[in-house]
Amino acid sequence: MTDQRIEGALDQAEGKIQKGFGNLTGDAKHKVEGAAKEAGGRAKAAYGRVIDGLDGIADRAPADLREPAKKGLEFARNKPLLTTGIIAGAAILLGGLGRKR
């Protein structure tokens, strides 16, 4: 289990508590901040699940590709926002190549 999954679960729980406190007291600021923290926790946990899945794929990769795959996964673990941006940029570029004009 990756650190992102654990941190995500903790953020989700903290967000739910904060949102519940906001609902209980009628404080809109706590409600919104709690909801945002909960959503961020869900996203972080989902990212961790993806990394865990890719770990299994890297372990089954051909022997000559295992080390580069593990290095790439380590980069993804250490820099999740940069990794997400790189993947999103690649998806936009590839999506544009397939579009008919």
PDB file of N, CA and C in Angstrom:
ATOM      1  N   MET A   1       0.856  -1.175   0.000  1.00  0.00           N
ATOM      2  CA  MET A   1       0.000   0.000   0.000  1.00  0.00           C
ATOM      3  C   MET A   1       0.903   1.240   0.000  1.00  0.00           C
ATOM      4  N   THR A   2       0.614   2.152  -0.886  1.00  0.00           N
ATOM      5  CA  THR A   2       1.431   3.353  -1.012  1.00  0.00           C
ATOM      6  C   THR A   2       1.074   4.390   0.043  1.00  0.00           C
ATOM      7  N   ASP A   3       2.003   5.298   0.260  1.00  0.00           N
ATOM      8  CA  ASP A   3       1.768   6.384   1.207  1.00  0.00           C
ATOM      9  C   ASP A   3       0.587   7.241   0.773  1.00  0.00           C
ATOM     10  N   GLN A   4       0.406   7.381  -0.548  1.00  0.00           N
ATOM     11  CA  GLN A   4      -0.696   8.212  -1.040  1.00  0.00           C
ATOM     12  C   GLN A   4      -2.050   7.634  -0.618  1.00  0.00           C
ATOM     13  N   ARG A   5      -2.165   6.326  -0.607  1.00  0.00           N
ATOM     14  CA  ARG A   5      -3.440   5.714  -0.201  1.00  0.00           C
ATOM     15  C   ARG A   5      -3.715   5.981   1.280  1.00  0.00           C
ATOM     16  N   ILE A   6      -2.683   5.872   2.097  1.00  0.00           N
ATOM     17  CA  ILE A   6      -2.846   6.101   3.531  1.00  0.00           C
ATOM     18  C   ILE A   6      -3.157   7.578   3.798  1.00  0.00           C
ATOM     19  N   GLU A   7      -2.379   8.473   3.197  1.00  0.00           N
ATOM     20  CA  GLU A   7      -2.618   9.905   3.367  1.00  0.00           C
ATOM     21  C   GLU A   7      -3.998  10.287   2.853  1.00  0.00           C
ATOM     22  N   GLY A   8      -4.404   9.693   1.728  1.00  0.00           N
ATOM     23  CA  GLY A   8      -5.718   9.983   1.169  1.00  0.00           C
ATOM     24  C   GLY A   8      -6.837   9.577   2.111  1.00  0.00           C
ATOM     25  N   ALA A   9      -6.705   8.395   2.723  1.00  0.00           N
ATOM     26  CA  ALA A   9      -7.729   7.933   3.660  1.00  0.00           C
ATOM     27  C   ALA A   9      -7.792   8.847   4.880  1.00  0.00           C
ATOM     28  N   LEU A  10      -6.632   9.287   5.356  1.00  0.00           N
ATOM     29  CA  LEU A  10      -6.609  10.208   6.500  1.00  0.00           C
ATOM     30  C   LEU A  10      -7.223  11.557   6.139  1.00  0.00           C
ATOM     31  N   ASP A  11      -6.896  12.069   4.955  1.00  0.00           N
ATOM     32  CA  ASP A  11      -7.478  13.344   4.510  1.00  0.00           C
ATOM     33  C   ASP A  11      -8.992  13.237   4.354  1.00  0.00           C
ATOM     34  N   GLN A  12      -9.450  12.106   3.828  1.00  0.00           N
ATOM     35  CA  GLN A  12     -10.895  11.906   3.677  1.00  0.00           C
ATOM     36  C   GLN A  12     -11.580  11.938   5.043  1.00  0.00           C
ATOM     37  N   ALA A  13     -11.018  11.212   5.997  1.00  0.00           N
ATOM     38  CA  ALA A  13     -11.621  11.162   7.330  1.00  0.00           C
ATOM     39  C   ALA A  13     -11.616  12.544   7.983  1.00  0.00           C
ATOM     40  N   GLU A  14     -10.490  13.238   7.865  1.00  0.00           N
ATOM     41  CA  GLU A  14     -10.405  14.587   8.439  1.00  0.00           C
ATOM     42  C   GLU A  14     -11.413  15.524   7.782  1.00  0.00           C
ATOM     43  N   GLY A  15     -11.564  15.402   6.459  1.00  0.00           N
ATOM     44  CA  GLY A  15     -12.526  16.237   5.744  1.00  0.00           C
ATOM     45  C   GLY A  15     -13.958  15.957   6.157  1.00  0.00           C
ATOM     46  N   LYS A  16     -14.286  14.679   6.350  1.00  0.00           N
ATOM     47  CA  LYS A  16     -15.637  14.323   6.792  1.00  0.00           C
ATOM     48  C   LYS A  16     -15.929  14.892   8.172  1.00  0.00           C
ATOM     49  N   ILE A  17     -14.931  14.789   9.053  1.00  0.00           N
ATOM     50  CA  ILE A  17     -15.117  15.326  10.409  1.00  0.00           C
ATOM     51  C   ILE A  17     -15.310  16.838  10.362  1.00  0.00           C
ATOM     52  N   GLN A  18     -14.474  17.515   9.580  1.00  0.00           N
ATOM     53  CA  GLN A  18     -14.573  18.974   9.484  1.00  0.00           C
ATOM     54  C   GLN A  18     -15.909  19.386   8.856  1.00  0.00           C
ATOM     55  N   LYS A  19     -16.331  18.657   7.820  1.00  0.00           N
ATOM     56  CA  LYS A  19     -17.611  18.966   7.181  1.00  0.00           C
ATOM     57  C   LYS A  19     -18.765  18.722   8.154  1.00  0.00           C
ATOM     58  N   GLY A  20     -18.683  17.633   8.911  1.00  0.00           N
ATOM     59  CA  GLY A  20     -19.711  17.346   9.905  1.00  0.00           C
ATOM     60  C   GLY A  20     -19.781  18.408  10.991  1.00  0.00           C
ATOM     61  N   PHE A  21     -18.602  18.885  11.405  1.00  0.00           N
ATOM     62  CA  PHE A  21     -18.559  19.966  12.386  1.00  0.00           C
ATOM     63  C   PHE A  21     -19.210  21.224  11.813  1.00  0.00           C
ATOM     64  N   GLY A  22     -18.926  21.503  10.549  1.00  0.00           N
ATOM     65  CA  GLY A  22     -19.536  22.661   9.897  1.00  0.00           C
ATOM     66  C   GLY A  22     -21.042  22.528   9.796  1.00  0.00           C
ATOM     67  N   ASN A  23     -21.524  21.325   9.497  1.00  0.00           N
ATOM     68  CA  ASN A  23     -22.970  21.094   9.442  1.00  0.00           C
ATOM     69  C   ASN A  23     -23.603  21.270  10.820  1.00  0.00           C
ATOM     70  N   LEU A  24     -22.903  20.767  11.838  1.00  0.00           N
ATOM     71  CA  LEU A  24     -23.421  20.828  13.199  1.00  0.00           C
ATOM     72  C   LEU A  24     -23.506  22.266  13.708  1.00  0.00           C
ATOM     73  N   THR A  25     -22.494  23.059  13.401  1.00  0.00           N
ATOM     74  CA  THR A  25     -22.457  24.445  13.896  1.00  0.00           C
ATOM     75  C   THR A  25     -23.065  25.441  12.910  1.00  0.00           C
ATOM     76  N   GLY A  26     -23.314  25.012  11.680  1.00  0.00           N
ATOM     77  CA  GLY A  26     -23.847  25.924  10.677  1.00  0.00           C
ATOM     78  C   GLY A  26     -22.776  26.810  10.067  1.00  0.00           C
ATOM     79  N   ASP A  27     -21.515  26.444  10.240  1.00  0.00           N
ATOM     80  CA  ASP A  27     -20.387  27.226   9.726  1.00  0.00           C
ATOM     81  C   ASP A  27     -20.087  26.810   8.283  1.00  0.00           C
ATOM     82  N   ALA A  28     -20.417  27.684   7.347  1.00  0.00           N
ATOM     83  CA  ALA A  28     -20.240  27.376   5.924  1.00  0.00           C
ATOM     84  C   ALA A  28     -18.767  27.184   5.564  1.00  0.00           C
ATOM     85  N   LYS A  29     -17.878  27.930   6.211  1.00  0.00           N
ATOM     86  CA  LYS A  29     -16.448  27.820   5.911  1.00  0.00           C
ATOM     87  C   LYS A  29     -15.940  26.409   6.225  1.00  0.00           C
ATOM     88  N   HIS A  30     -16.312  25.861   7.377  1.00  0.00           N
ATOM     89  CA  HIS A  30     -15.892  24.511   7.735  1.00  0.00           C
ATOM     90  C   HIS A  30     -16.505  23.469   6.791  1.00  0.00           C
ATOM     91  N   LYS A  31     -17.744  23.698   6.398  1.00  0.00           N
ATOM     92  CA  LYS A  31     -18.393  22.768   5.460  1.00  0.00           C
ATOM     93  C   LYS A  31     -17.614  22.686   4.148  1.00  0.00           C
ATOM     94  N   VAL A  32     -17.302  23.842   3.592  1.00  0.00           N
ATOM     95  CA  VAL A  32     -16.614  23.902   2.297  1.00  0.00           C
ATOM     96  C   VAL A  32     -15.192  23.352   2.402  1.00  0.00           C
ATOM     97  N   GLU A  33     -14.470  23.771   3.444  1.00  0.00           N
ATOM     98  CA  GLU A  33     -13.097  23.278   3.614  1.00  0.00           C
ATOM     99  C   GLU A  33     -13.085  21.770   3.841  1.00  0.00           C
ATOM    100  N   GLY A  34     -14.038  21.271   4.609  1.00  0.00           N
ATOM    101  CA  GLY A  34     -14.127  19.831   4.851  1.00  0.00           C
ATOM    102  C   GLY A  34     -14.432  19.058   3.579  1.00  0.00           C
ATOM    103  N   ALA A  35     -15.358  19.587   2.785  1.00  0.00           N
ATOM    104  CA  ALA A  35     -15.705  18.924   1.528  1.00  0.00           C
ATOM    105  C   ALA A  35     -14.510  18.911   0.571  1.00  0.00           C
ATOM    106  N   ALA A  36     -13.768  20.011   0.536  1.00  0.00           N
ATOM    107  CA  ALA A  36     -12.590  20.082  -0.334  1.00  0.00           C
ATOM    108  C   ALA A  36     -11.508  19.105   0.126  1.00  0.00           C
ATOM    109  N   LYS A  37     -11.286  19.031   1.417  1.00  0.00           N
ATOM    110  CA  LYS A  37     -10.275  18.114   1.950  1.00  0.00           C
ATOM    111  C   LYS A  37     -10.689  16.663   1.698  1.00  0.00           C
ATOM    112  N   GLU A  38     -11.961  16.374   1.833  1.00  0.00           N
ATOM    113  CA  GLU A  38     -12.463  15.028   1.573  1.00  0.00           C
ATOM    114  C   GLU A  38     -12.270  14.653   0.104  1.00  0.00           C
ATOM    115  N   ALA A  39     -12.578  15.565  -0.796  1.00  0.00           N
ATOM    116  CA  ALA A  39     -12.399  15.305  -2.231  1.00  0.00           C
ATOM    117  C   ALA A  39     -10.919  15.130  -2.564  1.00  0.00           C
ATOM    118  N   GLY A  40     -10.069  15.953  -1.968  1.00  0.00           N
ATOM    119  CA  GLY A  40      -8.626  15.805  -2.185  1.00  0.00           C
ATOM    120  C   GLY A  40      -8.120  14.465  -1.681  1.00  0.00           C
ATOM    121  N   GLY A  41      -8.655  14.024  -0.569  1.00  0.00           N
ATOM    122  CA  GLY A  41      -8.279  12.717  -0.029  1.00  0.00           C
ATOM    123  C   GLY A  41      -8.694  11.582  -0.943  1.00  0.00           C
ATOM    124  N   ARG A  42      -9.898  11.693  -1.523  1.00  0.00           N
ATOM    125  CA  ARG A  42     -10.345  10.669  -2.482  1.00  0.00           C
ATOM    126  C   ARG A  42      -9.428  10.622  -3.692  1.00  0.00           C
ATOM    127  N   ALA A  43      -9.030  11.799  -4.190  1.00  0.00           N
ATOM    128  CA  ALA A  43      -8.140  11.855  -5.352  1.00  0.00           C
ATOM    129  C   ALA A  43      -6.769  11.267  -5.014  1.00  0.00           C
ATOM    130  N   LYS A  44      -6.251  11.593  -3.851  1.00  0.00           N
ATOM    131  CA  LYS A  44      -4.941  11.074  -3.443  1.00  0.00           C
ATOM    132  C   LYS A  44      -4.993   9.553  -3.282  1.00  0.00           C
ATOM    133  N   ALA A  45      -6.067   9.044  -2.705  1.00  0.00           N
ATOM    134  CA  ALA A  45      -6.214   7.597  -2.536  1.00  0.00           C
ATOM    135  C   ALA A  45      -6.330   6.899  -3.889  1.00  0.00           C
ATOM    136  N   ALA A  46      -7.050   7.508  -4.818  1.00  0.00           N
ATOM    137  CA  ALA A  46      -7.175   6.923  -6.160  1.00  0.00           C
ATOM    138  C   ALA A  46      -5.818   6.879  -6.857  1.00  0.00           C
ATOM    139  N   TYR A  47      -5.042   7.938  -6.712  1.00  0.00           N
ATOM    140  CA  TYR A  47      -3.690   7.973  -7.292  1.00  0.00           C
ATOM    141  C   TYR A  47      -2.846   6.848  -6.700  1.00  0.00           C
ATOM    142  N   GLY A  48      -2.966   6.638  -5.401  1.00  0.00           N
ATOM    143  CA  GLY A  48      -2.232   5.556  -4.749  1.00  0.00           C
ATOM    144  C   GLY A  48      -2.634   4.197  -5.263  1.00  0.00           C
ATOM    145  N   ARG A  49      -3.931   4.003  -5.530  1.00  0.00           N
ATOM    146  CA  ARG A  49      -4.390   2.717  -6.096  1.00  0.00           C
ATOM    147  C   ARG A  49      -3.806   2.490  -7.477  1.00  0.00           C
ATOM    148  N   VAL A  50      -3.712   3.544  -8.267  1.00  0.00           N
ATOM    149  CA  VAL A  50      -3.115   3.427  -9.608  1.00  0.00           C
ATOM    150  C   VAL A  50      -1.646   3.035  -9.494  1.00  0.00           C
ATOM    151  N   ILE A  51      -0.918   3.692  -8.607  1.00  0.00           N
ATOM    152  CA  ILE A  51       0.505   3.379  -8.420  1.00  0.00           C
ATOM    153  C   ILE A  51       0.669   1.932  -7.958  1.00  0.00           C
ATOM    154  N   ASP A  52      -0.185   1.477  -7.037  1.00  0.00           N
ATOM    155  CA  ASP A  52      -0.112   0.082  -6.585  1.00  0.00           C
ATOM    156  C   ASP A  52      -0.354  -0.880  -7.736  1.00  0.00           C
ATOM    157  N   GLY A  53      -1.319  -0.561  -8.594  1.00  0.00           N
ATOM    158  CA  GLY A  53      -1.590  -1.409  -9.763  1.00  0.00           C
ATOM    159  C   GLY A  53      -0.415  -1.453 -10.722  1.00  0.00           C
ATOM    160  N   LEU A  54       0.211  -0.309 -10.920  1.00  0.00           N
ATOM    161  CA  LEU A  54       1.365  -0.254 -11.819  1.00  0.00           C
ATOM    162  C   LEU A  54       2.560  -0.998 -11.240  1.00  0.00           C
ATOM    163  N   ASP A  55       2.657  -1.055  -9.927  1.00  0.00           N
ATOM    164  CA  ASP A  55       3.726  -1.844  -9.292  1.00  0.00           C
ATOM    165  C   ASP A  55       3.626  -3.304  -9.714  1.00  0.00           C
ATOM    166  N   GLY A  56       2.415  -3.838  -9.719  1.00  0.00           N
ATOM    167  CA  GLY A  56       2.210  -5.229 -10.131  1.00  0.00           C
ATOM    168  C   GLY A  56       2.579  -5.450 -11.583  1.00  0.00           C
ATOM    169  N   ILE A  57       2.262  -4.480 -12.430  1.00  0.00           N
ATOM    170  CA  ILE A  57       2.605  -4.590 -13.840  1.00  0.00           C
ATOM    171  C   ILE A  57       4.115  -4.546 -14.022  1.00  0.00           C
ATOM    172  N   ALA A  58       4.794  -3.665 -13.286  1.00  0.00           N
ATOM    173  CA  ALA A  58       6.257  -3.553 -13.384  1.00  0.00           C
ATOM    174  C   ALA A  58       6.929  -4.846 -12.931  1.00  0.00           C
ATOM    175  N   ASP A  59       6.362  -5.495 -11.922  1.00  0.00           N
ATOM    176  CA  ASP A  59       6.936  -6.753 -11.442  1.00  0.00           C
ATOM    177  C   ASP A  59       6.822  -7.872 -12.480  1.00  0.00           C
ATOM    178  N   ARG A  60       5.815  -7.797 -13.339  1.00  0.00           N
ATOM    179  CA  ARG A  60       5.621  -8.829 -14.371  1.00  0.00           C
ATOM    180  C   ARG A  60       6.247  -8.451 -15.710  1.00  0.00           C
ATOM    181  N   ALA A  61       6.887  -7.298 -15.772  1.00  0.00           N
ATOM    182  CA  ALA A  61       7.508  -6.844 -17.024  1.00  0.00           C
ATOM    183  C   ALA A  61       8.705  -7.727 -17.359  1.00  0.00           C
ATOM    184  N   PRO A  62       9.097  -7.756 -18.646  1.00  0.00           N
ATOM    185  CA  PRO A  62      10.309  -8.494 -19.005  1.00  0.00           C
ATOM    186  C   PRO A  62      11.500  -7.991 -18.196  1.00  0.00           C
ATOM    187  N   ALA A  63      12.447  -8.875 -17.946  1.00  0.00           N
ATOM    188  CA  ALA A  63      13.571  -8.577 -17.051  1.00  0.00           C
ATOM    189  C   ALA A  63      14.325  -7.303 -17.441  1.00  0.00           C
ATOM    190  N   ASP A  64      14.513  -7.065 -18.727  1.00  0.00           N
ATOM    191  CA  ASP A  64      15.277  -5.886 -19.144  1.00  0.00           C
ATOM    192  C   ASP A  64      14.507  -4.578 -18.970  1.00  0.00           C
ATOM    193  N   LEU A  65      13.204  -4.649 -18.760  1.00  0.00           N
ATOM    194  CA  LEU A  65      12.392  -3.433 -18.576  1.00  0.00           C
ATOM    195  C   LEU A  65      11.995  -3.178 -17.131  1.00  0.00           C
ATOM    196  N   ARG A  66      12.255  -4.137 -16.238  1.00  0.00           N
ATOM    197  CA  ARG A  66      11.820  -3.978 -14.842  1.00  0.00           C
ATOM    198  C   ARG A  66      12.463  -2.777 -14.160  1.00  0.00           C
ATOM    199  N   GLU A  67      13.765  -2.635 -14.309  1.00  0.00           N
ATOM    200  CA  GLU A  67      14.468  -1.539 -13.619  1.00  0.00           C
ATOM    201  C   GLU A  67      14.000  -0.157 -14.098  1.00  0.00           C
ATOM    202  N   PRO A  68      13.903   0.081 -15.422  1.00  0.00           N
ATOM    203  CA  PRO A  68      13.381   1.385 -15.860  1.00  0.00           C
ATOM    204  C   PRO A  68      11.930   1.627 -15.404  1.00  0.00           C
ATOM    205  N   ALA A  69      11.120   0.571 -15.396  1.00  0.00           N
ATOM    206  CA  ALA A  69       9.730   0.719 -14.951  1.00  0.00           C
ATOM    207  C   ALA A  69       9.685   1.096 -13.473  1.00  0.00           C
ATOM    208  N   LYS A  70      10.516   0.467 -12.663  1.00  0.00           N
ATOM    209  CA  LYS A  70      10.543   0.774 -11.230  1.00  0.00           C
ATOM    210  C   LYS A  70      11.049   2.193 -10.982  1.00  0.00           C
ATOM    211  N   LYS A  71      12.001   2.665 -11.789  1.00  0.00           N
ATOM    212  CA  LYS A  71      12.489   4.045 -11.657  1.00  0.00           C
ATOM    213  C   LYS A  71      11.379   5.033 -12.000  1.00  0.00           C
ATOM    214  N   GLY A  72      10.615   4.729 -13.052  1.00  0.00           N
ATOM    215  CA  GLY A  72       9.496   5.587 -13.428  1.00  0.00           C
ATOM    216  C   GLY A  72       8.428   5.639 -12.346  1.00  0.00           C
ATOM    217  N   LEU A  73       8.150   4.493 -11.725  1.00  0.00           N
ATOM    218  CA  LEU A  73       7.167   4.464 -10.640  1.00  0.00           C
ATOM    219  C   LEU A  73       7.661   5.229  -9.414  1.00  0.00           C
ATOM    220  N   GLU A  74       8.950   5.158  -9.149  1.00  0.00           N
ATOM    221  CA  GLU A  74       9.508   5.910  -8.021  1.00  0.00           C
ATOM    222  C   GLU A  74       9.361   7.416  -8.271  1.00  0.00           C
ATOM    223  N   PHE A  75       9.592   7.840  -9.516  1.00  0.00           N
ATOM    224  CA  PHE A  75       9.388   9.240  -9.879  1.00  0.00           C
ATOM    225  C   PHE A  75       7.924   9.628  -9.649  1.00  0.00           C
ATOM    226  N   ALA A  76       7.006   8.761 -10.083  1.00  0.00           N
ATOM    227  CA  ALA A  76       5.577   9.039  -9.928  1.00  0.00           C
ATOM    228  C   ALA A  76       5.182   9.134  -8.458  1.00  0.00           C
ATOM    229  N   ARG A  77       5.775   8.301  -7.613  1.00  0.00           N
ATOM    230  CA  ARG A  77       5.484   8.366  -6.177  1.00  0.00           C
ATOM    231  C   ARG A  77       5.979   9.672  -5.563  1.00  0.00           C
ATOM    232  N   ASN A  78       7.158  10.096  -5.969  1.00  0.00           N
ATOM    233  CA  ASN A  78       7.768  11.278  -5.363  1.00  0.00           C
ATOM    234  C   ASN A  78       7.208  12.592  -5.898  1.00  0.00           C
ATOM    235  N   LYS A  79       6.703  12.590  -7.125  1.00  0.00           N
ATOM    236  CA  LYS A  79       6.205  13.823  -7.742  1.00  0.00           C
ATOM    237  C   LYS A  79       4.832  13.569  -8.382  1.00  0.00           C
ATOM    238  N   PRO A  80       3.797  13.374  -7.551  1.00  0.00           N
ATOM    239  CA  PRO A  80       2.481  13.023  -8.106  1.00  0.00           C
ATOM    240  C   PRO A  80       1.859  14.121  -8.969  1.00  0.00           C
ATOM    241  N   LEU A  81       2.014  15.387  -8.585  1.00  0.00           N
ATOM    242  CA  LEU A  81       1.393  16.452  -9.386  1.00  0.00           C
ATOM    243  C   LEU A  81       2.082  16.601 -10.736  1.00  0.00           C
ATOM    244  N   LEU A  82       3.402  16.525 -10.743  1.00  0.00           N
ATOM    245  CA  LEU A  82       4.141  16.613 -11.998  1.00  0.00           C
ATOM    246  C   LEU A  82       3.793  15.433 -12.907  1.00  0.00           C
ATOM    247  N   THR A  83       3.703  14.253 -12.323  1.00  0.00           N
ATOM    248  CA  THR A  83       3.342  13.063 -13.095  1.00  0.00           C
ATOM    249  C   THR A  83       1.955  13.213 -13.706  1.00  0.00           C
ATOM    250  N   THR A  84       1.008  13.699 -12.914  1.00  0.00           N
ATOM    251  CA  THR A  84      -0.357  13.896 -13.413  1.00  0.00           C
ATOM    252  C   THR A  84      -0.364  14.908 -14.556  1.00  0.00           C
ATOM    253  N   GLY A  85       0.406  15.985 -14.415  1.00  0.00           N
ATOM    254  CA  GLY A  85       0.497  16.991 -15.480  1.00  0.00           C
ATOM    255  C   GLY A  85       1.103  16.428 -16.752  1.00  0.00           C
ATOM    256  N   ILE A  86       2.144  15.622 -16.612  1.00  0.00           N
ATOM    257  CA  ILE A  86       2.781  15.004 -17.790  1.00  0.00           C
ATOM    258  C   ILE A  86       1.795  14.091 -18.509  1.00  0.00           C
ATOM    259  N   ILE A  87       1.086  13.274 -17.752  1.00  0.00           N
ATOM    260  CA  ILE A  87       0.131  12.338 -18.356  1.00  0.00           C
ATOM    261  C   ILE A  87      -1.019  13.102 -19.009  1.00  0.00           C
ATOM    262  N   ALA A  88      -1.510  14.152 -18.349  1.00  0.00           N
ATOM    263  CA  ALA A  88      -2.596  14.944 -18.927  1.00  0.00           C
ATOM    264  C   ALA A  88      -2.147  15.626 -20.212  1.00  0.00           C
ATOM    265  N   GLY A  89      -0.932  16.173 -20.216  1.00  0.00           N
ATOM    266  CA  GLY A  89      -0.403  16.808 -21.425  1.00  0.00           C
ATOM    267  C   GLY A  89      -0.258  15.819 -22.568  1.00  0.00           C
ATOM    268  N   ALA A  90       0.234  14.629 -22.257  1.00  0.00           N
ATOM    269  CA  ALA A  90       0.369  13.603 -23.290  1.00  0.00           C
ATOM    270  C   ALA A  90      -1.002  13.200 -23.831  1.00  0.00           C
ATOM    271  N   ALA A  91      -1.984  13.090 -22.947  1.00  0.00           N
ATOM    272  CA  ALA A  91      -3.334  12.727 -23.390  1.00  0.00           C
ATOM    273  C   ALA A  91      -3.917  13.799 -24.302  1.00  0.00           C
ATOM    274  N   ILE A  92      -3.683  15.060 -23.985  1.00  0.00           N
ATOM    275  CA  ILE A  92      -4.187  16.149 -24.830  1.00  0.00           C
ATOM    276  C   ILE A  92      -3.523  16.110 -26.200  1.00  0.00           C
ATOM    277  N   LEU A  93      -2.205  15.922 -26.209  1.00  0.00           N
ATOM    278  CA  LEU A  93      -1.487  15.850 -27.489  1.00  0.00           C
ATOM    279  C   LEU A  93      -1.936  14.658 -28.327  1.00  0.00           C
ATOM    280  N   LEU A  94      -2.052  13.502 -27.696  1.00  0.00           N
ATOM    281  CA  LEU A  94      -2.473  12.320 -28.449  1.00  0.00           C
ATOM    282  C   LEU A  94      -3.917  12.442 -28.912  1.00  0.00           C
ATOM    283  N   GLY A  95      -4.757  13.059 -28.088  1.00  0.00           N
ATOM    284  CA  GLY A  95      -6.142  13.284 -28.488  1.00  0.00           C
ATOM    285  C   GLY A  95      -6.243  14.215 -29.680  1.00  0.00           C
ATOM    286  N   GLY A  96      -5.376  15.223 -29.729  1.00  0.00           N
ATOM    287  CA  GLY A  96      -5.356  16.161 -30.847  1.00  0.00           C
ATOM    288  C   GLY A  96      -4.873  15.524 -32.129  1.00  0.00           C
ATOM    289  N   LEU A  97      -3.983  14.542 -32.015  1.00  0.00           N
ATOM    290  CA  LEU A  97      -3.480  13.874 -33.227  1.00  0.00           C
ATOM    291  C   LEU A  97      -4.549  13.024 -33.895  1.00  0.00           C
ATOM    292  N   GLY A  98      -5.440  12.470 -33.097  1.00  0.00           N
ATOM    293  CA  GLY A  98      -6.473  11.606 -33.656  1.00  0.00           C
ATOM    294  C   GLY A  98      -7.695  12.352 -34.164  1.00  0.00           C
ATOM    295  N   ARG A  99      -7.783  13.632 -33.929  1.00  0.00           N
ATOM    296  CA  ARG A  99      -8.949  14.419 -34.297  1.00  0.00           C
ATOM    297  C   ARG A  99      -8.923  14.758 -35.795  1.00  0.00           C
ATOM    298  N   LYS A 100     -10.055  14.587 -36.438  1.00  0.00           N
ATOM    299  CA  LYS A 100     -10.154  14.965 -37.858  1.00  0.00           C
ATOM    300  C   LYS A 100     -10.461  16.441 -37.954  1.00  0.00           C
ATOM    301  N   ARG A 101      -9.899  17.059 -38.960  1.00  0.00           N
ATOM    302  CA  ARG A 101     -10.118  18.499 -39.142  1.00  0.00           C
ATOM    303  C   ARG A 101     -10.960  18.756 -40.345  1.00  0.00           C
TER     304      ARG A 101
END
